Amino acid sequence: MSNQTEVSQRLTTGAAASYLGLSAATLEKFRCSGGGPKFLKLGRAVRYDRADLDDWLASRRRCSTSDPGANPANTGARNG
């Protein structure tokens, strides 16, 4: 993979949110509370690798509404 292709796979918060079908605010909350996709911190800039977004999406896949997934404690939801 060329360096240009690697850079094009890094998305801003807004672009990553659009890719995931979420709001940018939701991704910002995930960065603080955990449970969201992995991200890169490059100085003050935050970027998301498209492969990490795809991995995170795959980890959310369920067969039914009662399926807790492989790690139900890491859902990003807060109790209380």
N, C-alpha and C. Protein backbone atom coordinates (compact mmCIF):
# COMPACT_ATOMS: atom_id res chain seq x y z
N MET A 1 0.85 -1.17 0.00
CA MET A 1 0.00 0.00 0.00
C MET A 1 0.89 1.23 0.00
N SER A 2 0.60 2.20 -0.84
CA SER A 2 1.42 3.41 -0.91
C SER A 2 1.12 4.31 0.27
N ASN A 3 2.04 5.23 0.54
CA ASN A 3 1.86 6.16 1.65
C ASN A 3 0.63 7.02 1.44
N GLN A 4 0.37 7.44 0.20
CA GLN A 4 -0.81 8.25 -0.10
C GLN A 4 -2.10 7.49 0.22
N THR A 5 -2.15 6.20 -0.10
CA THR A 5 -3.32 5.38 0.20
C THR A 5 -3.50 5.24 1.70
N GLU A 6 -2.40 5.06 2.44
CA GLU A 6 -2.49 4.94 3.89
C GLU A 6 -3.05 6.21 4.50
N VAL A 7 -2.59 7.37 4.04
CA VAL A 7 -3.08 8.65 4.56
C VAL A 7 -4.55 8.82 4.23
N SER A 8 -4.98 8.40 3.04
CA SER A 8 -6.38 8.57 2.66
C SER A 8 -7.30 7.68 3.48
N GLN A 9 -6.74 6.67 4.15
CA GLN A 9 -7.54 5.80 5.00
C GLN A 9 -7.76 6.41 6.39
N ARG A 10 -7.10 7.51 6.69
CA ARG A 10 -7.25 8.18 7.99
C ARG A 10 -8.33 9.26 7.86
N LEU A 11 -9.34 9.15 8.70
CA LEU A 11 -10.49 10.03 8.61
C LEU A 11 -10.57 10.97 9.79
N THR A 12 -11.08 12.17 9.56
CA THR A 12 -11.36 13.10 10.64
C THR A 12 -12.55 12.57 11.45
N THR A 13 -12.79 13.20 12.59
CA THR A 13 -13.93 12.78 13.41
C THR A 13 -15.24 12.88 12.63
N GLY A 14 -15.42 13.97 11.91
CA GLY A 14 -16.65 14.14 11.13
C GLY A 14 -16.80 13.10 10.04
N ALA A 15 -15.72 12.82 9.33
CA ALA A 15 -15.76 11.82 8.26
C ALA A 15 -15.98 10.42 8.83
N ALA A 16 -15.34 10.12 9.97
CA ALA A 16 -15.51 8.82 10.61
C ALA A 16 -16.95 8.66 11.10
N ALA A 17 -17.50 9.72 11.68
CA ALA A 17 -18.88 9.67 12.15
C ALA A 17 -19.83 9.41 10.99
N SER A 18 -19.61 10.08 9.89
CA SER A 18 -20.45 9.87 8.70
C SER A 18 -20.32 8.43 8.21
N TYR A 19 -19.11 7.92 8.17
CA TYR A 19 -18.85 6.55 7.73
C TYR A 19 -19.60 5.54 8.60
N LEU A 20 -19.65 5.82 9.92
CA LEU A 20 -20.30 4.91 10.87
C LEU A 20 -21.80 5.15 11.01
N GLY A 21 -22.27 6.28 10.50
CA GLY A 21 -23.69 6.62 10.67
C GLY A 21 -23.99 7.16 12.06
N LEU A 22 -22.99 7.78 12.68
CA LEU A 22 -23.13 8.36 14.01
C LEU A 22 -22.86 9.86 13.94
N SER A 23 -23.10 10.55 15.04
CA SER A 23 -22.74 11.97 15.09
C SER A 23 -21.30 12.11 15.57
N ALA A 24 -20.69 13.22 15.21
CA ALA A 24 -19.33 13.50 15.68
C ALA A 24 -19.31 13.57 17.20
N ALA A 25 -20.37 14.10 17.81
CA ALA A 25 -20.44 14.20 19.26
C ALA A 25 -20.41 12.81 19.92
N THR A 26 -21.03 11.84 19.29
CA THR A 26 -21.01 10.48 19.83
C THR A 26 -19.59 9.94 19.83
N LEU A 27 -18.84 10.13 18.75
CA LEU A 27 -17.45 9.67 18.72
C LEU A 27 -16.61 10.40 19.75
N GLU A 28 -16.86 11.70 19.94
CA GLU A 28 -16.12 12.46 20.95
C GLU A 28 -16.40 11.91 22.35
N LYS A 29 -17.64 11.56 22.62
CA LYS A 29 -17.98 10.96 23.92
C LYS A 29 -17.30 9.60 24.08
N PHE A 30 -17.31 8.80 23.03
CA PHE A 30 -16.63 7.50 23.09
C PHE A 30 -15.15 7.65 23.40
N ARG A 31 -14.51 8.70 22.84
CA ARG A 31 -13.09 8.90 23.11
C ARG A 31 -12.84 9.17 24.59
N CYS A 32 -13.77 9.83 25.25
CA CYS A 32 -13.62 10.14 26.68
C CYS A 32 -14.02 8.96 27.57
N SER A 33 -15.11 8.30 27.23
CA SER A 33 -15.66 7.27 28.11
C SER A 33 -15.21 5.86 27.74
N GLY A 34 -14.70 5.67 26.53
CA GLY A 34 -14.31 4.35 26.07
C GLY A 34 -15.47 3.67 25.35
N GLY A 35 -15.19 2.51 24.79
CA GLY A 35 -16.21 1.74 24.11
C GLY A 35 -16.33 2.03 22.63
N GLY A 36 -15.63 3.05 22.15
CA GLY A 36 -15.69 3.39 20.74
C GLY A 36 -14.54 2.78 19.97
N PRO A 37 -14.45 3.15 18.70
CA PRO A 37 -13.36 2.63 17.87
C PRO A 37 -12.01 3.22 18.28
N LYS A 38 -10.95 2.51 17.96
CA LYS A 38 -9.60 3.02 18.19
C LYS A 38 -9.40 4.27 17.35
N PHE A 39 -8.57 5.17 17.87
CA PHE A 39 -8.29 6.40 17.12
C PHE A 39 -6.82 6.75 17.26
N LEU A 40 -6.36 7.62 16.39
CA LEU A 40 -4.99 8.10 16.40
C LEU A 40 -4.97 9.53 16.93
N LYS A 41 -4.04 9.82 17.80
CA LYS A 41 -3.86 11.18 18.30
C LYS A 41 -2.55 11.68 17.71
N LEU A 42 -2.63 12.62 16.78
CA LEU A 42 -1.47 13.16 16.08
C LEU A 42 -1.32 14.62 16.47
N GLY A 43 -0.57 14.86 17.55
CA GLY A 43 -0.54 16.21 18.10
C GLY A 43 -1.91 16.53 18.65
N ARG A 44 -2.52 17.60 18.15
CA ARG A 44 -3.88 17.94 18.57
C ARG A 44 -4.94 17.31 17.67
N ALA A 45 -4.50 16.76 16.55
CA ALA A 45 -5.44 16.18 15.59
C ALA A 45 -5.82 14.75 15.97
N VAL A 46 -7.08 14.44 15.78
CA VAL A 46 -7.59 13.08 15.98
C VAL A 46 -7.96 12.52 14.62
N ARG A 47 -7.50 11.31 14.35
CA ARG A 47 -7.83 10.64 13.10
C ARG A 47 -8.24 9.21 13.38
N TYR A 48 -9.07 8.68 12.53
CA TYR A 48 -9.54 7.30 12.63
C TYR A 48 -9.06 6.54 11.41
N ASP A 49 -8.51 5.37 11.63
CA ASP A 49 -8.10 4.50 10.54
C ASP A 49 -9.34 3.71 10.10
N ARG A 50 -9.60 3.70 8.81
CA ARG A 50 -10.80 3.03 8.29
C ARG A 50 -10.86 1.56 8.71
N ALA A 51 -9.71 0.89 8.77
CA ALA A 51 -9.67 -0.52 9.19
C ALA A 51 -10.12 -0.67 10.65
N ASP A 52 -9.75 0.29 11.51
CA ASP A 52 -10.19 0.25 12.91
C ASP A 52 -11.69 0.46 13.01
N LEU A 53 -12.23 1.32 12.17
CA LEU A 53 -13.69 1.54 12.16
C LEU A 53 -14.41 0.27 11.73
N ASP A 54 -13.88 -0.39 10.70
CA ASP A 54 -14.48 -1.64 10.23
C ASP A 54 -14.41 -2.72 11.31
N ASP A 55 -13.28 -2.80 12.02
CA ASP A 55 -13.14 -3.77 13.11
C ASP A 55 -14.14 -3.48 14.22
N TRP A 56 -14.30 -2.21 14.56
CA TRP A 56 -15.24 -1.83 15.62
C TRP A 56 -16.67 -2.16 15.22
N LEU A 57 -17.01 -1.88 13.96
CA LEU A 57 -18.34 -2.23 13.47
C LEU A 57 -18.57 -3.73 13.55
N ALA A 58 -17.58 -4.51 13.14
CA ALA A 58 -17.72 -5.97 13.18
C ALA A 58 -17.91 -6.46 14.61
N SER A 59 -17.28 -5.79 15.58
CA SER A 59 -17.42 -6.21 16.98
C SER A 59 -18.80 -5.91 17.53
N ARG A 60 -19.58 -5.07 16.85
CA ARG A 60 -20.93 -4.71 17.29
C ARG A 60 -21.98 -5.64 16.68
N ARG A 61 -21.58 -6.53 15.81
CA ARG A 61 -22.52 -7.42 15.11
C ARG A 61 -23.19 -8.37 16.10
N ARG A 62 -24.49 -8.51 15.98
CA ARG A 62 -25.27 -9.37 16.87
C ARG A 62 -26.24 -10.22 16.05
N CYS A 63 -26.65 -11.35 16.63
CA CYS A 63 -27.61 -12.24 15.98
C CYS A 63 -29.04 -11.98 16.45
N SER A 64 -29.17 -11.39 17.63
CA SER A 64 -30.49 -11.07 18.16
C SER A 64 -30.34 -9.92 19.17
N THR A 65 -31.47 -9.35 19.58
CA THR A 65 -31.42 -8.25 20.54
C THR A 65 -30.98 -8.72 21.92
N SER A 66 -31.08 -10.00 22.20
CA SER A 66 -30.65 -10.52 23.50
C SER A 66 -29.20 -11.00 23.48
N ASP A 67 -28.54 -10.94 22.34
CA ASP A 67 -27.14 -11.35 22.20
C ASP A 67 -26.24 -10.26 22.78
N PRO A 68 -25.53 -10.53 23.91
CA PRO A 68 -24.69 -9.49 24.51
C PRO A 68 -23.37 -9.28 23.78
N GLY A 69 -23.03 -10.15 22.87
CA GLY A 69 -21.75 -10.04 22.19
C GLY A 69 -20.65 -10.68 22.99
N ALA A 70 -19.44 -10.61 22.47
CA ALA A 70 -18.30 -11.27 23.11
C ALA A 70 -17.91 -10.63 24.42
N ASN A 71 -18.05 -9.30 24.53
CA ASN A 71 -17.63 -8.59 25.73
C ASN A 71 -18.69 -7.56 26.10
N PRO A 72 -19.76 -7.95 26.79
CA PRO A 72 -20.85 -7.03 27.07
C PRO A 72 -20.45 -5.86 27.96
N ALA A 73 -19.37 -5.98 28.72
CA ALA A 73 -18.95 -4.90 29.61
C ALA A 73 -18.34 -3.74 28.83
N ASN A 74 -17.95 -3.95 27.58
CA ASN A 74 -17.28 -2.93 26.80
C ASN A 74 -18.20 -2.37 25.72
N THR A 75 -19.40 -1.95 26.11
CA THR A 75 -20.37 -1.46 25.15
C THR A 75 -20.33 0.05 24.98
N GLY A 76 -19.67 0.75 25.90
CA GLY A 76 -19.66 2.19 25.84
C GLY A 76 -20.82 2.81 26.60
N ALA A 77 -21.76 2.01 27.06
CA ALA A 77 -22.90 2.50 27.80
C ALA A 77 -22.51 2.67 29.27
N ARG A 78 -23.17 3.61 29.91
CA ARG A 78 -22.93 3.86 31.32
C ARG A 78 -24.11 3.37 32.14
N ASN A 79 -23.83 2.86 33.30
CA ASN A 79 -24.88 2.42 34.20
C ASN A 79 -25.28 3.58 35.08
N GLY A 80 -26.57 3.64 35.41
CA GLY A 80 -26.99 4.62 36.38
C GLY A 80 -27.80 5.66 35.78
